[in-house]
Amino acid sequence: MRTKRLTASAILLAAGLLVLLAWPAGAATTPLQAESKNGVLVFSSDDGQFKWWLDARINLDGAFFIEDKNSLGDGVQLRRARLAIKTQLWGDWYAESDVDLSGEAVAMKDAFVRYDALFHHTGYVRVGNFKEPFGLEEVTSSRNLIFLERSQGLDAFVPNRKMGLEFGHFAPSYRVAAGMFGPDVSVYETESKDMTWNFTGRATWNGLRTDKSVLHLGAAGSWRQPDFASSAVRFRTRNEYHVNNYKYVDTDNIYGVQRYGMADGEAAYVNRRLRLQGECIGVSVRREAPFQDLSFSGGYVCASFFLTGDSHPYDWQDAEFGKVLPKGRYGAWEIVTRFSSVDMTSHDVHGGRSTATTVGLNWYANVNVHVLADFVMMNNDEDANARGALVGNDDYKCFEFRFLTAF
């Protein structure tokens, strides 16, 4: 009952805050001017009070496997077909609605409203469905990833998008954000059980930032409960591809879970053409007696180097890396490499262990069109067998590519 009262109080407080922050605004007609900003068509008013723009992304992927013990199907895929409408209203309000049309059904991604004038415009509050503040790789937009897929070291554990309430504050050298989050947006109604609430926060620092370099350090944590007090959780991940649906590393349902926590550390360094980045995550699962508590882990390290005179820009307000703006007539060329690992075996849970080594080449033809090519070498242990659906200890290779357009 105490949790219910706290949750209700938090929701009422958020609603009240948004009402208090609003003020009467006229409905007079305001003309909008069109212009292109870094490859995006933006419509804005002369006084800067209103803006709106579309954010569209198309990812066309292909993958070819050099098999070891299991048959893996080569193929192509429409990985993403995203369409978002983003708008700034009355200067201090921002709203976004983002859907993915690549699957058999429409999938809602971001859908939120944000007020940006807290702490003299250095803070915000937002409500809706969006990514929880957790991890550098996870909060980076898919349009700005330097590999086709996020690493298997974190992909299984990070909370991704949830319905929630978040407060944030940023300054030129640091950023902090924290919030309370409920279920996935696809869970839109309850029956006999209450929705559970989770708490997540992230803090980052970039105090050595210059025009040509930046050192980024950060940490995040999340305190979580199983959805709808089901007492069961499950972690699983693909081996850094998406065309094939097999998830080698998989804990299956873990029962008797009271709560679980996640802690993440992140670091990145950019100096002109060079970019280094790494993250590690630890997951602690608390279970009821007689079950033993569990611990899982994962992480990655990666490096990239531009063969052309380009660099990855750093967005200090969002504490993430932004869009590459090629300087040359023939675009920007980048070589990348990554090593990742994930461990989902602990006590009676044998989800498996896996490592992946990736080398790749990226061509940023212009600000809107990218071509990515990765060669991935997998090393799975005996327990990494998709819960018995595959043969374990399968060490295969994969060549994958992506044609990306974002506008």
Protein backbone atom coordinates (compact mmCIF):
# COMPACT_ATOMS: atom_id res chain seq x y z
CA MET A 1 0.00 0.00 0.00
CA ARG A 2 2.88 2.34 0.77
CA THR A 3 4.29 1.76 -2.74
CA LYS A 4 0.88 2.56 -4.24
CA ARG A 5 0.61 5.79 -2.25
CA LEU A 6 4.13 6.85 -3.29
CA THR A 7 3.42 6.06 -6.94
CA ALA A 8 0.12 7.94 -6.92
CA SER A 9 1.74 10.91 -5.20
CA ALA A 10 4.55 11.00 -7.77
CA ILE A 11 2.12 10.94 -10.69
CA LEU A 12 -0.05 13.68 -9.17
CA LEU A 13 3.05 15.75 -8.46
CA ALA A 14 4.22 15.41 -12.06
CA ALA A 15 0.81 16.35 -13.44
CA GLY A 16 0.58 19.31 -11.10
CA LEU A 17 4.06 20.46 -12.04
CA LEU A 18 3.26 20.43 -15.75
CA VAL A 19 0.07 22.42 -15.13
CA LEU A 20 1.88 25.01 -13.00
CA LEU A 21 4.62 25.41 -15.59
CA ALA A 22 2.13 26.13 -18.36
CA TRP A 23 0.81 29.59 -19.00
CA PRO A 24 -1.96 31.05 -21.21
CA ALA A 25 -0.91 31.27 -24.83
CA GLY A 26 -2.70 32.78 -27.77
CA ALA A 27 -3.86 30.85 -30.77
CA ALA A 28 -2.90 33.44 -33.36
CA THR A 29 -1.54 32.28 -36.71
CA THR A 30 2.27 32.12 -36.78
CA PRO A 31 4.04 31.78 -40.18
CA LEU A 32 6.84 29.17 -40.40
CA GLN A 33 9.97 29.40 -42.53
CA ALA A 34 11.59 26.30 -44.06
CA GLU A 35 15.32 25.62 -44.01
CA SER A 36 17.73 22.68 -44.09
CA LYS A 37 19.83 22.14 -40.96
CA ASN A 38 22.49 19.42 -41.24
CA GLY A 39 20.37 17.44 -43.68
CA VAL A 40 17.06 17.90 -41.83
CA LEU A 41 14.16 19.99 -43.14
CA VAL A 42 13.04 22.30 -40.31
CA PHE A 43 10.06 24.64 -40.21
CA SER A 44 10.43 27.42 -37.65
CA SER A 45 8.91 30.76 -36.73
CA ASP A 46 10.94 33.97 -36.89
CA ASP A 47 10.76 34.45 -33.13
CA GLY A 48 12.05 30.91 -32.43
CA GLN A 49 8.96 29.98 -30.42
CA PHE A 50 7.78 27.24 -32.79
CA LYS A 51 9.62 24.56 -34.72
CA TRP A 52 8.70 21.23 -36.20
CA TRP A 53 10.54 18.69 -38.29
CA LEU A 54 10.37 15.08 -39.47
CA ASP A 55 12.93 12.45 -38.49
CA ALA A 56 12.86 9.50 -40.88
CA ARG A 57 15.24 6.54 -40.88
CA ILE A 58 15.55 3.58 -43.24
CA ASN A 59 18.00 0.75 -42.48
CA LEU A 60 18.42 -1.96 -45.14
CA ASP A 61 20.52 -4.84 -43.78
CA GLY A 62 22.05 -8.03 -45.10
CA ALA A 63 23.97 -10.84 -43.39
CA PHE A 64 25.96 -13.85 -44.62
CA PHE A 65 27.20 -16.53 -42.22
CA ILE A 66 30.29 -18.74 -42.26
CA GLU A 67 28.77 -21.59 -40.28
CA ASP A 68 30.39 -23.84 -37.70
CA LYS A 69 28.02 -26.26 -35.92
CA ASN A 70 24.56 -24.82 -36.69
CA SER A 71 22.79 -23.90 -39.90
CA LEU A 72 22.24 -20.13 -39.97
CA GLY A 73 20.19 -18.56 -42.73
CA ASP A 74 21.67 -15.77 -44.82
CA GLY A 75 19.30 -13.00 -45.78
CA VAL A 76 18.30 -9.36 -46.02
CA GLN A 77 16.02 -7.33 -43.80
CA LEU A 78 14.31 -3.97 -43.48
CA ARG A 79 15.87 -3.37 -40.07
CA ARG A 80 14.23 -0.01 -39.42
CA ALA A 81 11.65 2.17 -41.11
CA ARG A 82 11.17 4.94 -38.59
CA LEU A 83 9.08 8.06 -38.85
CA ALA A 84 9.03 10.66 -36.10
CA ILE A 85 7.40 14.04 -35.74
CA LYS A 86 9.25 16.42 -33.45
CA THR A 87 8.10 19.85 -32.40
CA GLN A 88 8.98 22.81 -30.20
CA LEU A 89 5.96 24.69 -28.85
CA TRP A 90 5.88 28.12 -27.22
CA GLY A 91 9.67 28.08 -26.83
CA ASP A 92 9.96 25.88 -23.76
CA TRP A 93 7.87 22.82 -24.64
CA TYR A 94 9.03 19.89 -26.75
CA ALA A 95 7.04 16.86 -27.94
CA GLU A 96 7.95 13.80 -29.98
CA SER A 97 6.10 10.87 -31.52
CA ASP A 98 8.18 8.13 -33.15
CA VAL A 99 6.98 4.86 -34.73
CA ASP A 100 8.75 1.96 -36.46
CA LEU A 101 7.02 0.52 -39.52
CA SER A 102 9.53 -2.25 -40.33
CA GLY A 103 7.74 -5.14 -38.61
CA GLU A 104 4.39 -6.76 -39.27
CA ALA A 105 2.79 -4.26 -36.88
CA VAL A 106 3.47 -0.63 -36.00
CA ALA A 107 5.80 -0.38 -33.00
CA MET A 108 5.69 2.74 -30.87
CA LYS A 109 9.12 4.09 -29.92
CA ASP A 110 9.36 7.57 -28.38
CA ALA A 111 6.13 9.31 -27.36
CA PHE A 112 6.63 12.04 -24.78
CA VAL A 113 6.19 15.67 -23.76
CA ARG A 114 9.07 17.63 -22.21
CA TYR A 115 9.34 21.01 -20.48
CA ASP A 116 12.82 22.54 -21.04
CA ALA A 117 12.89 25.68 -18.88
CA LEU A 118 13.82 24.24 -15.47
CA PHE A 119 16.86 25.72 -13.68
CA HIS A 120 17.10 28.67 -16.12
CA HIS A 121 16.91 26.38 -19.17
CA THR A 122 19.56 23.95 -17.89
CA GLY A 123 17.04 21.31 -16.82
CA TYR A 124 13.92 19.53 -17.98
CA VAL A 125 11.08 17.25 -16.94
CA ARG A 126 9.44 14.83 -19.34
CA VAL A 127 6.66 12.27 -19.22
CA GLY A 128 5.75 9.56 -21.67
CA ASN A 129 7.54 6.66 -23.35
CA PHE A 130 11.29 7.09 -23.88
CA LYS A 131 14.66 5.52 -23.14
CA GLU A 132 15.61 5.25 -19.51
CA PRO A 133 18.85 7.15 -18.71
CA PHE A 134 21.21 4.19 -18.74
CA GLY A 135 24.42 3.64 -20.70
CA LEU A 136 26.23 5.55 -23.43
CA GLU A 137 25.71 3.02 -26.21
CA GLU A 138 22.03 2.61 -25.41
CA VAL A 139 21.10 6.31 -25.34
CA THR A 140 22.98 6.97 -28.61
CA SER A 141 20.53 7.19 -31.48
CA SER A 142 20.57 4.31 -33.98
CA ARG A 143 21.27 6.87 -36.71
CA ASN A 144 24.66 7.59 -35.06
CA LEU A 145 25.86 4.06 -34.22
CA ILE A 146 29.27 3.11 -35.62
CA PHE A 147 28.41 -0.62 -35.73
CA LEU A 148 25.31 -2.25 -37.19
CA GLU A 149 24.11 -3.48 -33.81
CA ARG A 150 24.72 -2.51 -30.21
CA SER A 151 27.04 -4.86 -28.33
CA GLN A 152 25.81 -8.16 -26.92
CA GLY A 153 27.63 -7.23 -23.71
CA LEU A 154 24.91 -4.72 -22.78
CA ASP A 155 22.01 -5.38 -25.14
CA ALA A 156 20.41 -8.06 -22.97
CA PHE A 157 20.41 -6.00 -19.79
CA VAL A 158 19.77 -2.33 -20.60
CA PRO A 159 16.17 -1.25 -19.83
CA ASN A 160 15.51 0.55 -23.15
CA ARG A 161 12.21 2.48 -23.54
CA LYS A 162 9.59 2.51 -20.81
CA MET A 163 6.67 4.68 -19.72
CA GLY A 164 7.89 7.08 -17.07
CA LEU A 165 8.73 10.42 -15.54
CA GLU A 166 12.27 11.88 -15.72
CA PHE A 167 14.07 14.94 -14.41
CA GLY A 168 17.41 16.09 -15.82
CA HIS A 169 19.97 18.85 -15.43
CA PHE A 170 23.00 19.64 -17.61
CA ALA A 171 25.93 22.01 -17.67
CA PRO A 172 28.92 22.29 -20.06
CA SER A 173 30.93 19.78 -18.00
CA TYR A 174 28.32 17.37 -16.59
CA ARG A 175 24.83 15.93 -16.92
CA VAL A 176 22.53 14.12 -14.48
CA ALA A 177 19.16 12.48 -15.10
CA ALA A 178 16.91 10.22 -13.04
CA GLY A 179 13.39 8.92 -13.23
CA MET A 180 10.67 6.49 -12.26
CA PHE A 181 9.52 4.06 -14.93
CA GLY A 182 6.70 1.60 -15.39
CA PRO A 183 6.11 -1.01 -18.11
CA ASP A 184 6.75 -0.99 -21.83
CA VAL A 185 4.31 1.13 -23.83
CA SER A 186 2.87 -2.06 -25.38
CA VAL A 187 1.49 -2.96 -21.94
CA TYR A 188 -1.51 -0.64 -21.97
CA GLU A 189 -3.85 -2.24 -19.47
CA THR A 190 -3.83 -4.26 -16.25
CA GLU A 191 -5.96 -7.07 -14.91
CA SER A 192 -5.61 -8.39 -11.37
CA LYS A 193 -1.97 -7.41 -10.75
CA ASP A 194 -0.43 -3.98 -10.25
CA MET A 195 2.20 -2.61 -12.59
CA THR A 196 5.62 -2.45 -10.96
CA TRP A 197 7.77 0.69 -10.87
CA ASN A 198 11.53 0.95 -11.45
CA PHE A 199 14.05 3.70 -10.71
CA THR A 200 16.97 4.59 -12.99
CA GLY A 201 19.61 7.34 -12.98
CA ARG A 202 22.72 8.36 -14.94
CA ALA A 203 25.47 10.89 -14.30
CA THR A 204 28.22 11.92 -16.74
CA TRP A 205 31.22 14.27 -16.77
CA ASN A 206 33.25 15.77 -19.63
CA GLY A 207 35.38 18.37 -17.88
CA LEU A 208 38.32 18.10 -20.31
CA ARG A 209 36.31 18.95 -23.43
CA THR A 210 37.91 21.12 -26.14
CA ASP A 211 37.05 21.91 -29.76
CA LYS A 212 38.97 18.82 -30.95
CA SER A 213 38.79 16.37 -28.06
CA VAL A 214 36.66 15.16 -25.19
CA LEU A 215 37.00 12.76 -22.27
CA HIS A 216 33.61 11.37 -21.23
CA LEU A 217 33.06 9.43 -18.00
CA GLY A 218 29.77 8.21 -16.64
CA ALA A 219 27.91 5.84 -14.37
CA ALA A 220 24.32 4.61 -14.22
CA GLY A 221 22.23 2.47 -11.92
CA SER A 222 18.78 0.93 -11.93
CA TRP A 223 16.64 -0.67 -9.20
CA ARG A 224 14.00 -2.94 -10.73
CA GLN A 225 11.22 -5.42 -10.04
CA PRO A 226 9.70 -8.09 -12.28
CA ASP A 227 6.77 -6.82 -14.38
CA PHE A 228 3.37 -7.09 -12.68
CA ALA A 229 4.95 -8.74 -9.62
CA SER A 230 5.34 -11.93 -11.70
CA SER A 231 8.53 -12.94 -9.82
CA ALA A 232 10.12 -13.92 -13.16
CA VAL A 233 12.68 -12.17 -15.37
CA ARG A 234 14.54 -13.23 -18.50
CA PHE A 235 17.73 -11.99 -20.17
CA ARG A 236 18.76 -12.92 -23.73
CA THR A 237 20.59 -11.43 -26.69
CA ARG A 238 21.56 -12.00 -30.29
CA ASN A 239 25.24 -12.32 -31.28
CA GLU A 240 25.35 -8.77 -32.72
CA TYR A 241 23.26 -9.35 -35.81
CA HIS A 242 19.54 -9.00 -36.49
CA VAL A 243 18.78 -10.73 -39.81
CA ASN A 244 18.82 -14.10 -38.04
CA ASN A 245 16.50 -14.49 -35.05
CA TYR A 246 18.54 -16.96 -32.96
CA LYS A 247 19.48 -15.72 -29.50
CA TYR A 248 22.36 -17.94 -28.41
CA VAL A 249 22.77 -16.48 -24.92
CA ASP A 250 19.51 -16.89 -23.00
CA THR A 251 18.75 -17.41 -19.31
CA ASP A 252 15.15 -18.52 -19.99
CA ASN A 253 12.65 -17.46 -17.30
CA ILE A 254 14.22 -16.98 -13.87
CA TYR A 255 11.61 -17.52 -11.16
CA GLY A 256 11.45 -16.44 -7.55
CA VAL A 257 12.89 -12.99 -8.26
CA GLN A 258 12.16 -10.34 -5.63
CA ARG A 259 14.13 -7.54 -7.28
CA TYR A 260 17.26 -6.95 -9.32
CA GLY A 261 19.73 -4.15 -9.79
CA MET A 262 22.06 -3.01 -12.56
CA ALA A 263 25.18 -0.84 -12.43
CA ASP A 264 26.92 0.52 -15.52
CA GLY A 265 30.23 2.32 -16.02
CA GLU A 266 31.07 4.13 -19.26
CA ALA A 267 34.08 5.93 -20.71
CA ALA A 268 34.89 7.50 -24.07
CA TYR A 269 37.70 9.58 -25.49
CA VAL A 270 37.83 11.46 -28.79
CA ASN A 271 40.87 13.24 -30.17
CA ARG A 272 40.38 14.47 -33.70
CA ARG A 273 40.07 11.32 -35.87
CA LEU A 274 40.39 8.82 -33.02
CA ARG A 275 37.55 7.58 -30.84
CA LEU A 276 37.86 5.09 -27.97
CA GLN A 277 34.89 3.84 -25.98
CA GLY A 278 33.99 1.17 -23.46
CA GLU A 279 31.30 0.11 -21.00
CA CYS A 280 30.78 -2.60 -18.42
CA ILE A 281 27.62 -3.71 -16.63
CA GLY A 282 26.91 -5.83 -13.59
CA VAL A 283 23.50 -7.33 -12.81
CA SER A 284 22.53 -8.63 -9.37
CA VAL A 285 19.34 -10.70 -9.02
CA ARG A 286 17.82 -11.18 -5.56
CA ARG A 287 15.68 -14.34 -5.27
CA GLU A 288 13.43 -15.86 -2.66
CA ALA A 289 14.62 -18.85 -0.61
CA PRO A 290 15.63 -21.53 -1.39
CA PHE A 291 16.92 -20.02 -4.65
CA GLN A 292 20.41 -18.53 -4.68
CA ASP A 293 21.03 -14.94 -5.71
CA LEU A 294 22.50 -14.50 -9.19
CA SER A 295 25.03 -12.22 -10.84
CA PHE A 296 25.54 -11.58 -14.56
CA SER A 297 27.89 -9.26 -16.41
CA GLY A 298 28.84 -7.89 -19.79
CA GLY A 299 30.79 -5.18 -21.53
CA TYR A 300 32.67 -4.00 -24.59
CA VAL A 301 35.60 -1.90 -25.75
CA CYS A 302 35.76 -0.34 -29.20
CA ALA A 303 37.90 1.99 -31.28
CA SER A 304 37.39 3.93 -34.49
CA PHE A 305 39.66 6.01 -36.70
CA PHE A 306 38.74 8.26 -39.60
CA LEU A 307 40.86 7.84 -42.72
CA THR A 308 39.61 11.28 -43.74
CA GLY A 309 39.89 14.48 -41.72
CA ASP A 310 36.64 13.95 -39.83
CA SER A 311 35.63 13.42 -36.21
CA HIS A 312 32.71 12.35 -34.05
CA PRO A 313 30.99 15.43 -32.55
CA TYR A 314 30.05 15.34 -28.86
CA ASP A 315 26.69 16.66 -27.68
CA TRP A 316 27.30 17.77 -24.09
CA GLN A 317 23.65 18.60 -23.39
CA ASP A 318 22.61 14.99 -24.09
CA ALA A 319 25.96 13.39 -23.08
CA GLU A 320 26.20 11.35 -26.29
CA PHE A 321 27.88 11.44 -29.68
CA GLY A 322 26.04 13.13 -32.51
CA LYS A 323 25.79 13.09 -36.28
CA VAL A 324 28.95 12.92 -38.41
CA LEU A 325 29.14 15.86 -40.83
CA PRO A 326 31.56 14.83 -43.61
CA LYS A 327 34.00 17.54 -44.61
CA GLY A 328 35.16 16.22 -47.96
CA ARG A 329 33.46 15.95 -51.31
CA TYR A 330 33.62 12.15 -51.23
CA GLY A 331 32.38 11.75 -47.70
CA ALA A 332 34.04 10.40 -44.57
CA TRP A 333 35.68 6.97 -44.27
CA GLU A 334 36.13 5.24 -40.92
CA ILE A 335 37.61 1.93 -39.73
CA VAL A 336 36.16 0.43 -36.54
CA THR A 337 36.82 -2.51 -34.23
CA ARG A 338 35.09 -3.86 -31.13
CA PHE A 339 35.44 -6.67 -28.59
CA SER A 340 32.41 -7.58 -26.46
CA SER A 341 31.58 -10.26 -23.92
CA VAL A 342 28.52 -11.39 -21.99
CA ASP A 343 28.14 -13.87 -19.13
CA MET A 344 24.68 -15.22 -18.22
CA THR A 345 25.74 -18.26 -16.22
CA SER A 346 25.38 -18.16 -12.44
CA HIS A 347 24.60 -21.01 -10.01
CA ASP A 348 21.60 -22.95 -11.37
CA VAL A 349 21.06 -20.62 -14.36
CA HIS A 350 23.11 -21.60 -17.42
CA GLY A 351 22.38 -18.92 -19.99
CA GLY A 352 25.83 -19.14 -21.55
CA ARG A 353 28.90 -17.04 -22.17
CA SER A 354 29.88 -15.43 -25.44
CA THR A 355 32.50 -13.10 -26.90
CA ALA A 356 32.50 -11.29 -30.24
CA THR A 357 35.28 -9.56 -32.17
CA THR A 358 34.25 -7.14 -34.92
CA VAL A 359 36.16 -5.23 -37.58
CA GLY A 360 34.36 -2.87 -39.91
CA LEU A 361 34.45 -0.08 -42.44
CA ASN A 362 32.00 2.85 -42.53
CA TRP A 363 31.39 5.29 -45.35
CA TYR A 364 29.46 8.46 -44.55
CA ALA A 365 28.61 9.47 -48.12
CA ASN A 366 27.00 12.63 -46.80
CA VAL A 367 25.10 13.74 -43.74
CA ASN A 368 22.04 11.70 -44.78
CA VAL A 369 23.45 8.51 -46.32
CA HIS A 370 25.75 5.98 -44.60
CA VAL A 371 27.04 2.53 -45.58
CA LEU A 372 28.30 0.23 -42.80
CA ALA A 373 30.05 -3.14 -43.23
CA ASP A 374 31.06 -5.39 -40.30
CA PHE A 375 32.82 -8.76 -40.06
CA VAL A 376 31.93 -10.46 -36.75
CA MET A 377 33.77 -13.46 -35.24
CA MET A 378 31.77 -15.25 -32.54
CA ASN A 379 32.94 -17.50 -29.71
CA ASN A 380 30.09 -19.18 -27.79
CA ASP A 381 30.50 -21.65 -24.93
CA GLU A 382 28.58 -24.92 -24.46
CA ASP A 383 25.71 -23.25 -22.57
CA ALA A 384 25.19 -20.63 -25.28
CA ASN A 385 22.72 -22.79 -27.20
CA ALA A 386 19.45 -20.79 -27.31
CA ARG A 387 18.03 -22.87 -24.46
CA GLY A 388 18.74 -26.16 -26.27
CA ALA A 389 17.46 -25.09 -29.69
CA LEU A 390 21.03 -24.96 -31.05
CA VAL A 391 24.28 -26.83 -30.60
CA GLY A 392 26.52 -25.10 -28.07
CA ASN A 393 30.17 -24.14 -28.47
CA ASP A 394 29.34 -22.75 -31.91
CA ASP A 395 32.12 -20.45 -33.14
CA TYR A 396 30.93 -18.98 -36.41
CA LYS A 397 31.56 -15.81 -38.42
CA CYS A 398 29.25 -13.29 -40.02
CA PHE A 399 29.59 -10.58 -42.67
CA GLU A 400 26.86 -7.96 -42.44
CA PHE A 401 26.20 -4.63 -44.09
CA ARG A 402 23.73 -1.75 -43.86
CA PHE A 403 22.52 0.98 -46.19
CA LEU A 404 21.24 3.78 -43.93
CA THR A 405 19.44 6.94 -44.82
CA ALA A 406 18.26 9.44 -42.24
CA PHE A 407 16.53 12.72 -43.03
